Amino acid sequence: MQFFLDSTDLEEIKRLNSFGIIDGLTTNPSLIYKSKTPFKLLIKKLCDEILGPVSVETVAENSNQMIKEGIKLSKMAKNIVVKLPMT
């Protein structure tokens, strides 16, 4: 079993990660917006704190833009996993 935390609250993430049970992290555009931290800075901090996969979702409106955005996101850190929303 693996535990993935769904958060962008860095203090919460650090606290829970200190227990050694967090395998990865999921985020979404709403959580990132609520953090009020610049996007690139937040993602860097999250990826530095969590050694496992960090899920980041694209916000583009069509598939071509999603793929381009996903490629850019994937280059931000080695542990980024890109989610393409298909809703």
N, C-alpha and C. Protein backbone atom coordinates (compact mmCIF):
# COMPACT_ATOMS: atom_id res chain seq x y z
N MET A 1 0.85 -1.17 0.00
CA MET A 1 0.00 0.00 0.00
C MET A 1 0.89 1.24 0.00
N GLN A 2 0.44 2.25 -0.71
CA GLN A 2 1.15 3.53 -0.73
C GLN A 2 0.19 4.63 -0.28
N PHE A 3 0.77 5.66 0.36
CA PHE A 3 -0.01 6.81 0.81
C PHE A 3 0.40 8.04 0.02
N PHE A 4 -0.61 8.65 -0.62
CA PHE A 4 -0.40 9.90 -1.35
C PHE A 4 -1.21 10.99 -0.64
N LEU A 5 -0.57 12.08 -0.36
CA LEU A 5 -1.20 13.21 0.30
C LEU A 5 -1.74 14.16 -0.77
N ASP A 6 -2.94 14.67 -0.59
CA ASP A 6 -3.55 15.62 -1.53
C ASP A 6 -3.52 16.99 -0.87
N SER A 7 -2.46 17.75 -1.13
CA SER A 7 -2.27 19.03 -0.43
C SER A 7 -1.21 19.87 -1.14
N THR A 8 -1.24 21.16 -0.86
CA THR A 8 -0.14 22.05 -1.24
C THR A 8 0.31 22.85 -0.02
N ASP A 9 -0.20 22.51 1.14
CA ASP A 9 0.17 23.18 2.39
C ASP A 9 1.53 22.65 2.83
N LEU A 10 2.58 23.42 2.57
CA LEU A 10 3.93 22.94 2.78
C LEU A 10 4.20 22.56 4.23
N GLU A 11 3.67 23.30 5.18
CA GLU A 11 3.88 22.95 6.58
C GLU A 11 3.21 21.62 6.92
N GLU A 12 2.00 21.43 6.44
CA GLU A 12 1.29 20.16 6.64
C GLU A 12 2.07 19.01 5.99
N ILE A 13 2.55 19.25 4.80
CA ILE A 13 3.30 18.23 4.06
C ILE A 13 4.57 17.86 4.81
N LYS A 14 5.30 18.87 5.29
CA LYS A 14 6.53 18.60 6.03
C LYS A 14 6.24 17.80 7.30
N ARG A 15 5.20 18.18 8.01
CA ARG A 15 4.84 17.49 9.26
C ARG A 15 4.51 16.03 8.99
N LEU A 16 3.63 15.79 8.03
CA LEU A 16 3.22 14.42 7.73
C LEU A 16 4.35 13.62 7.09
N ASN A 17 5.17 14.27 6.29
CA ASN A 17 6.29 13.58 5.65
C ASN A 17 7.32 13.14 6.68
N SER A 18 7.41 13.87 7.80
CA SER A 18 8.37 13.52 8.84
C SER A 18 8.07 12.17 9.48
N PHE A 19 6.84 11.68 9.34
CA PHE A 19 6.49 10.36 9.87
C PHE A 19 7.02 9.23 8.97
N GLY A 20 7.45 9.59 7.77
CA GLY A 20 8.02 8.59 6.86
C GLY A 20 7.01 7.70 6.17
N ILE A 21 5.76 8.14 6.09
CA ILE A 21 4.73 7.29 5.48
C ILE A 21 4.18 7.84 4.18
N ILE A 22 4.59 9.03 3.78
CA ILE A 22 4.07 9.65 2.56
C ILE A 22 4.90 9.18 1.37
N ASP A 23 4.23 8.52 0.41
CA ASP A 23 4.91 8.00 -0.77
C ASP A 23 4.89 8.97 -1.94
N GLY A 24 3.91 9.86 -1.96
CA GLY A 24 3.78 10.80 -3.06
C GLY A 24 2.78 11.88 -2.71
N LEU A 25 2.60 12.78 -3.66
CA LEU A 25 1.75 13.95 -3.43
C LEU A 25 0.90 14.22 -4.66
N THR A 26 -0.35 14.55 -4.43
CA THR A 26 -1.21 14.99 -5.54
C THR A 26 -1.60 16.43 -5.29
N THR A 27 -1.70 17.18 -6.37
CA THR A 27 -2.14 18.57 -6.31
C THR A 27 -3.21 18.75 -7.37
N ASN A 28 -3.81 19.91 -7.37
CA ASN A 28 -4.72 20.28 -8.45
C ASN A 28 -4.71 21.79 -8.56
N PRO A 29 -5.21 22.35 -9.64
CA PRO A 29 -5.15 23.80 -9.82
C PRO A 29 -5.81 24.59 -8.69
N SER A 30 -6.89 24.07 -8.12
CA SER A 30 -7.57 24.79 -7.03
C SER A 30 -6.68 24.87 -5.79
N LEU A 31 -6.04 23.75 -5.44
CA LEU A 31 -5.15 23.76 -4.28
C LEU A 31 -3.96 24.69 -4.51
N ILE A 32 -3.43 24.66 -5.70
CA ILE A 32 -2.28 25.52 -6.02
C ILE A 32 -2.70 26.99 -5.92
N TYR A 33 -3.85 27.33 -6.45
CA TYR A 33 -4.34 28.71 -6.39
C TYR A 33 -4.53 29.16 -4.95
N LYS A 34 -5.13 28.31 -4.12
CA LYS A 34 -5.39 28.65 -2.72
C LYS A 34 -4.11 28.85 -1.91
N SER A 35 -3.02 28.26 -2.36
CA SER A 35 -1.76 28.39 -1.61
C SER A 35 -1.20 29.81 -1.66
N LYS A 36 -1.59 30.57 -2.67
CA LYS A 36 -1.11 31.95 -2.86
C LYS A 36 0.41 32.04 -2.95
N THR A 37 1.02 30.96 -3.42
CA THR A 37 2.47 30.91 -3.64
C THR A 37 2.69 30.85 -5.15
N PRO A 38 3.67 31.58 -5.68
CA PRO A 38 3.93 31.49 -7.11
C PRO A 38 4.09 30.04 -7.55
N PHE A 39 3.46 29.70 -8.66
CA PHE A 39 3.37 28.32 -9.13
C PHE A 39 4.71 27.60 -9.16
N LYS A 40 5.69 28.16 -9.88
CA LYS A 40 6.98 27.48 -10.04
C LYS A 40 7.69 27.28 -8.70
N LEU A 41 7.61 28.29 -7.84
CA LEU A 41 8.24 28.19 -6.52
C LEU A 41 7.57 27.10 -5.69
N LEU A 42 6.24 27.06 -5.72
CA LEU A 42 5.51 26.05 -4.96
C LEU A 42 5.85 24.64 -5.44
N ILE A 43 5.83 24.44 -6.75
CA ILE A 43 6.13 23.11 -7.29
C ILE A 43 7.54 22.69 -6.93
N LYS A 44 8.50 23.60 -7.01
CA LYS A 44 9.88 23.28 -6.64
C LYS A 44 9.95 22.85 -5.18
N LYS A 45 9.29 23.60 -4.29
CA LYS A 45 9.32 23.26 -2.87
C LYS A 45 8.66 21.91 -2.61
N LEU A 46 7.54 21.66 -3.27
CA LEU A 46 6.84 20.39 -3.09
C LEU A 46 7.72 19.22 -3.55
N CYS A 47 8.34 19.38 -4.71
CA CYS A 47 9.18 18.32 -5.27
C CYS A 47 10.45 18.12 -4.45
N ASP A 48 10.93 19.16 -3.81
CA ASP A 48 12.11 19.03 -2.94
C ASP A 48 11.74 18.29 -1.65
N GLU A 49 10.54 18.49 -1.17
CA GLU A 49 10.11 17.88 0.10
C GLU A 49 9.72 16.41 -0.07
N ILE A 50 9.01 16.11 -1.14
CA ILE A 50 8.52 14.75 -1.38
C ILE A 50 9.46 14.05 -2.36
N LEU A 51 10.01 12.93 -1.95
CA LEU A 51 10.94 12.21 -2.82
C LEU A 51 10.22 11.40 -3.90
N GLY A 52 8.98 10.98 -3.61
CA GLY A 52 8.21 10.19 -4.56
C GLY A 52 7.52 11.08 -5.59
N PRO A 53 6.58 10.51 -6.32
CA PRO A 53 5.88 11.24 -7.37
C PRO A 53 5.06 12.41 -6.82
N VAL A 54 5.10 13.51 -7.58
CA VAL A 54 4.29 14.69 -7.28
C VAL A 54 3.42 14.95 -8.51
N SER A 55 2.13 14.78 -8.35
CA SER A 55 1.19 14.94 -9.46
C SER A 55 0.84 16.41 -9.64
N VAL A 56 0.99 16.89 -10.87
CA VAL A 56 0.65 18.26 -11.23
C VAL A 56 -0.27 18.20 -12.45
N GLU A 57 -1.36 18.93 -12.39
CA GLU A 57 -2.39 18.88 -13.43
C GLU A 57 -2.25 20.05 -14.40
N THR A 58 -2.45 19.76 -15.67
CA THR A 58 -2.45 20.83 -16.67
C THR A 58 -3.76 21.61 -16.56
N VAL A 59 -3.73 22.85 -17.07
CA VAL A 59 -4.94 23.68 -17.06
C VAL A 59 -5.34 24.13 -18.46
N ALA A 60 -4.62 23.68 -19.47
CA ALA A 60 -4.93 24.05 -20.85
C ALA A 60 -6.32 23.53 -21.23
N GLU A 61 -6.88 24.13 -22.27
CA GLU A 61 -8.26 23.82 -22.63
C GLU A 61 -8.42 22.84 -23.79
N ASN A 62 -7.35 22.50 -24.47
CA ASN A 62 -7.47 21.49 -25.53
C ASN A 62 -6.28 20.53 -25.46
N SER A 63 -6.42 19.41 -26.12
CA SER A 63 -5.42 18.35 -25.97
C SER A 63 -4.03 18.75 -26.44
N ASN A 64 -3.92 19.49 -27.52
CA ASN A 64 -2.60 19.91 -28.00
C ASN A 64 -1.91 20.80 -26.98
N GLN A 65 -2.65 21.75 -26.41
CA GLN A 65 -2.09 22.63 -25.39
C GLN A 65 -1.75 21.86 -24.12
N MET A 66 -2.60 20.88 -23.77
CA MET A 66 -2.33 20.06 -22.58
C MET A 66 -1.02 19.30 -22.72
N ILE A 67 -0.78 18.76 -23.89
CA ILE A 67 0.46 18.01 -24.12
C ILE A 67 1.66 18.94 -24.01
N LYS A 68 1.59 20.10 -24.64
CA LYS A 68 2.69 21.07 -24.56
C LYS A 68 2.93 21.51 -23.12
N GLU A 69 1.85 21.81 -22.41
CA GLU A 69 1.97 22.22 -21.01
C GLU A 69 2.53 21.07 -20.17
N GLY A 70 2.07 19.86 -20.42
CA GLY A 70 2.55 18.70 -19.69
C GLY A 70 4.03 18.48 -19.86
N ILE A 71 4.54 18.68 -21.05
CA ILE A 71 5.97 18.53 -21.31
C ILE A 71 6.75 19.56 -20.50
N LYS A 72 6.28 20.80 -20.48
CA LYS A 72 6.94 21.84 -19.69
C LYS A 72 6.92 21.50 -18.20
N LEU A 73 5.76 21.06 -17.72
CA LEU A 73 5.64 20.70 -16.30
C LEU A 73 6.59 19.56 -15.95
N SER A 74 6.69 18.58 -16.82
CA SER A 74 7.51 17.41 -16.53
C SER A 74 8.99 17.75 -16.40
N LYS A 75 9.40 18.86 -16.97
CA LYS A 75 10.80 19.26 -16.93
C LYS A 75 11.13 20.06 -15.66
N MET A 76 10.13 20.37 -14.85
CA MET A 76 10.37 21.17 -13.65
C MET A 76 11.10 20.38 -12.56
N ALA A 77 10.88 19.07 -12.51
CA ALA A 77 11.54 18.22 -11.51
C ALA A 77 11.46 16.77 -11.98
N LYS A 78 12.39 15.96 -11.52
CA LYS A 78 12.43 14.56 -11.95
C LYS A 78 11.27 13.74 -11.40
N ASN A 79 10.66 14.18 -10.31
CA ASN A 79 9.60 13.39 -9.69
C ASN A 79 8.19 13.89 -10.03
N ILE A 80 8.07 14.74 -11.03
CA ILE A 80 6.74 15.23 -11.45
C ILE A 80 6.03 14.19 -12.30
N VAL A 81 4.77 14.00 -11.98
CA VAL A 81 3.87 13.18 -12.78
C VAL A 81 2.79 14.12 -13.28
N VAL A 82 2.53 14.15 -14.57
CA VAL A 82 1.57 15.09 -15.15
C VAL A 82 0.23 14.42 -15.32
N LYS A 83 -0.81 15.12 -14.88
CA LYS A 83 -2.19 14.65 -15.06
C LYS A 83 -2.85 15.53 -16.12
N LEU A 84 -3.44 14.88 -17.10
CA LEU A 84 -4.21 15.59 -18.13
C LEU A 84 -5.70 15.38 -17.82
N PRO A 85 -6.39 16.43 -17.40
CA PRO A 85 -7.81 16.26 -17.09
C PRO A 85 -8.61 16.07 -18.37
N MET A 86 -9.48 15.11 -18.37
CA MET A 86 -10.26 14.83 -19.56
C MET A 86 -11.75 15.05 -19.31
N THR A 87 -12.06 16.14 -18.61
CA THR A 87 -13.46 16.44 -18.31
C THR A 87 -13.98 17.54 -19.19
